[in-house]
Amino acid sequence: MLFLVVALLVLGVVLGAVAHVPVPVSVAAGLAIALWLAVFAARERLSGHRSGRPGHHRGGLR
């Protein structure tokens, strides 16, 4: 429950900050974050195929 309260508080602060900057700045920041997440996801997906970590299984819980 505490995690939910903190998450909503952080979301409110972030949305409040976005409301005070011009739209092009918000769009540019959103695109930068989306690109960063896409690169991160691609690197994680590619590194998962070569991973030799113990206990790292494809297909979820066993």
N, C-alpha and C. Protein backbone atom coordinates (compact mmCIF):
# COMPACT_ATOMS: atom_id res chain seq x y z
N MET A 1 0.82 -1.19 0.00
CA MET A 1 0.00 0.00 0.00
C MET A 1 0.87 1.26 0.00
N LEU A 2 1.93 1.22 0.79
CA LEU A 2 2.83 2.37 0.85
C LEU A 2 3.49 2.60 -0.51
N PHE A 3 3.85 1.50 -1.19
CA PHE A 3 4.45 1.63 -2.52
C PHE A 3 3.49 2.33 -3.48
N LEU A 4 2.22 2.00 -3.41
CA LEU A 4 1.22 2.62 -4.28
C LEU A 4 1.10 4.12 -4.00
N VAL A 5 1.12 4.49 -2.75
CA VAL A 5 1.03 5.90 -2.37
C VAL A 5 2.25 6.67 -2.90
N VAL A 6 3.43 6.09 -2.72
CA VAL A 6 4.65 6.75 -3.20
C VAL A 6 4.64 6.84 -4.72
N ALA A 7 4.21 5.77 -5.41
CA ALA A 7 4.16 5.78 -6.87
C ALA A 7 3.21 6.87 -7.38
N LEU A 8 2.07 7.01 -6.77
CA LEU A 8 1.11 8.04 -7.17
C LEU A 8 1.65 9.44 -6.87
N LEU A 9 2.36 9.59 -5.77
CA LEU A 9 2.96 10.88 -5.44
C LEU A 9 4.02 11.26 -6.48
N VAL A 10 4.87 10.32 -6.84
CA VAL A 10 5.90 10.59 -7.85
C VAL A 10 5.25 10.90 -9.19
N LEU A 11 4.21 10.16 -9.56
CA LEU A 11 3.50 10.42 -10.81
C LEU A 11 2.92 11.83 -10.81
N GLY A 12 2.35 12.25 -9.70
CA GLY A 12 1.80 13.60 -9.61
C GLY A 12 2.85 14.67 -9.75
N VAL A 13 4.02 14.45 -9.16
CA VAL A 13 5.11 15.43 -9.28
C VAL A 13 5.59 15.51 -10.72
N VAL A 14 5.76 14.36 -11.36
CA VAL A 14 6.23 14.35 -12.75
C VAL A 14 5.21 15.01 -13.67
N LEU A 15 3.94 14.69 -13.52
CA LEU A 15 2.92 15.31 -14.37
C LEU A 15 2.79 16.80 -14.09
N GLY A 16 3.00 17.20 -12.86
CA GLY A 16 2.97 18.63 -12.53
C GLY A 16 4.11 19.38 -13.19
N ALA A 17 5.28 18.73 -13.23
CA ALA A 17 6.43 19.37 -13.88
C ALA A 17 6.20 19.47 -15.38
N VAL A 18 5.63 18.44 -15.98
CA VAL A 18 5.38 18.44 -17.42
C VAL A 18 4.35 19.51 -17.79
N ALA A 19 3.43 19.78 -16.90
CA ALA A 19 2.39 20.77 -17.19
C ALA A 19 2.95 22.19 -17.30
N HIS A 20 4.13 22.42 -16.75
CA HIS A 20 4.69 23.77 -16.73
C HIS A 20 5.75 24.02 -17.80
N VAL A 21 6.05 23.03 -18.61
CA VAL A 21 7.03 23.23 -19.69
C VAL A 21 6.29 23.24 -21.02
N PRO A 22 6.86 23.84 -22.04
CA PRO A 22 6.20 23.86 -23.35
C PRO A 22 6.02 22.45 -23.93
N VAL A 23 5.02 22.30 -24.77
CA VAL A 23 4.70 21.00 -25.37
C VAL A 23 5.88 20.41 -26.14
N PRO A 24 6.59 21.18 -26.97
CA PRO A 24 7.73 20.56 -27.68
C PRO A 24 8.80 19.98 -26.75
N VAL A 25 9.01 20.62 -25.60
CA VAL A 25 9.98 20.10 -24.63
C VAL A 25 9.48 18.78 -24.04
N SER A 26 8.20 18.71 -23.73
CA SER A 26 7.62 17.48 -23.20
C SER A 26 7.70 16.35 -24.22
N VAL A 27 7.40 16.67 -25.48
CA VAL A 27 7.45 15.66 -26.53
C VAL A 27 8.89 15.18 -26.73
N ALA A 28 9.84 16.09 -26.74
CA ALA A 28 11.25 15.72 -26.91
C ALA A 28 11.71 14.84 -25.75
N ALA A 29 11.34 15.18 -24.54
CA ALA A 29 11.73 14.37 -23.39
C ALA A 29 11.08 12.99 -23.46
N GLY A 30 9.82 12.93 -23.87
CA GLY A 30 9.14 11.65 -24.01
C GLY A 30 9.79 10.77 -25.07
N LEU A 31 10.17 11.38 -26.19
CA LEU A 31 10.85 10.61 -27.24
C LEU A 31 12.22 10.12 -26.78
N ALA A 32 12.94 10.95 -26.04
CA ALA A 32 14.25 10.54 -25.52
C ALA A 32 14.10 9.36 -24.56
N ILE A 33 13.10 9.40 -23.70
CA ILE A 33 12.87 8.30 -22.76
C ILE A 33 12.46 7.04 -23.51
N ALA A 34 11.60 7.18 -24.52
CA ALA A 34 11.17 6.02 -25.30
C ALA A 34 12.34 5.38 -26.04
N LEU A 35 13.22 6.21 -26.59
CA LEU A 35 14.39 5.69 -27.28
C LEU A 35 15.32 4.97 -26.31
N TRP A 36 15.52 5.56 -25.14
CA TRP A 36 16.37 4.95 -24.12
C TRP A 36 15.80 3.58 -23.71
N LEU A 37 14.49 3.50 -23.50
CA LEU A 37 13.87 2.24 -23.11
C LEU A 37 13.96 1.20 -24.23
N ALA A 38 13.82 1.63 -25.49
CA ALA A 38 13.92 0.71 -26.62
C ALA A 38 15.33 0.14 -26.73
N VAL A 39 16.34 0.99 -26.56
CA VAL A 39 17.73 0.53 -26.60
C VAL A 39 18.00 -0.43 -25.45
N PHE A 40 17.52 -0.10 -24.28
CA PHE A 40 17.71 -0.96 -23.12
C PHE A 40 17.05 -2.32 -23.35
N ALA A 41 15.82 -2.32 -23.85
CA ALA A 41 15.11 -3.58 -24.09
C ALA A 41 15.83 -4.42 -25.15
N ALA A 42 16.32 -3.79 -26.20
CA ALA A 42 17.04 -4.52 -27.24
C ALA A 42 18.32 -5.13 -26.69
N ARG A 43 19.06 -4.37 -25.88
CA ARG A 43 20.30 -4.90 -25.30
C ARG A 43 20.01 -6.05 -24.34
N GLU A 44 18.96 -5.94 -23.55
CA GLU A 44 18.61 -7.02 -22.63
C GLU A 44 18.19 -8.28 -23.40
N ARG A 45 17.43 -8.08 -24.46
CA ARG A 45 16.96 -9.23 -25.24
C ARG A 45 18.14 -9.93 -25.92
N LEU A 46 19.07 -9.16 -26.45
CA LEU A 46 20.23 -9.76 -27.12
C LEU A 46 21.17 -10.42 -26.12
N SER A 47 21.36 -9.82 -24.97
CA SER A 47 22.26 -10.41 -23.99
C SER A 47 21.66 -11.66 -23.35
N GLY A 48 20.35 -11.80 -23.37
CA GLY A 48 19.71 -12.98 -22.80
C GLY A 48 20.01 -14.25 -23.55
N HIS A 49 20.30 -14.15 -24.84
CA HIS A 49 20.59 -15.34 -25.64
C HIS A 49 21.97 -15.91 -25.32
N ARG A 50 22.91 -15.06 -24.93
CA ARG A 50 24.27 -15.49 -24.65
C ARG A 50 24.53 -15.63 -23.16
N SER A 51 23.52 -15.46 -22.35
CA SER A 51 23.72 -15.39 -20.91
C SER A 51 24.12 -16.74 -20.34
N GLY A 52 25.15 -16.73 -19.52
CA GLY A 52 25.56 -17.94 -18.84
C GLY A 52 25.28 -17.87 -17.36
N ARG A 53 24.37 -16.99 -16.98
CA ARG A 53 24.06 -16.82 -15.57
C ARG A 53 23.35 -18.05 -15.02
N PRO A 54 23.76 -18.54 -13.84
CA PRO A 54 23.06 -19.67 -13.24
C PRO A 54 21.65 -19.27 -12.82
N GLY A 55 20.72 -20.16 -13.02
CA GLY A 55 19.34 -19.89 -12.64
C GLY A 55 18.59 -19.03 -13.62
N HIS A 56 19.19 -18.71 -14.74
CA HIS A 56 18.53 -17.88 -15.76
C HIS A 56 17.91 -18.80 -16.79
N HIS A 57 16.60 -18.98 -16.68
CA HIS A 57 15.89 -19.89 -17.58
C HIS A 57 14.94 -19.10 -18.45
N ARG A 58 14.86 -19.50 -19.70
CA ARG A 58 13.86 -18.88 -20.58
C ARG A 58 12.54 -19.59 -20.35
N GLY A 59 11.46 -18.85 -20.37
CA GLY A 59 10.15 -19.46 -20.25
C GLY A 59 9.49 -19.28 -18.91
N GLY A 60 10.04 -18.46 -18.04
CA GLY A 60 9.35 -18.14 -16.80
C GLY A 60 9.76 -19.03 -15.64
N LEU A 61 8.83 -19.16 -14.68
CA LEU A 61 9.11 -19.90 -13.45
C LEU A 61 9.08 -21.39 -13.68
N ARG A 62 9.89 -22.08 -12.91
CA ARG A 62 9.90 -23.56 -12.99
C ARG A 62 9.75 -24.15 -11.62
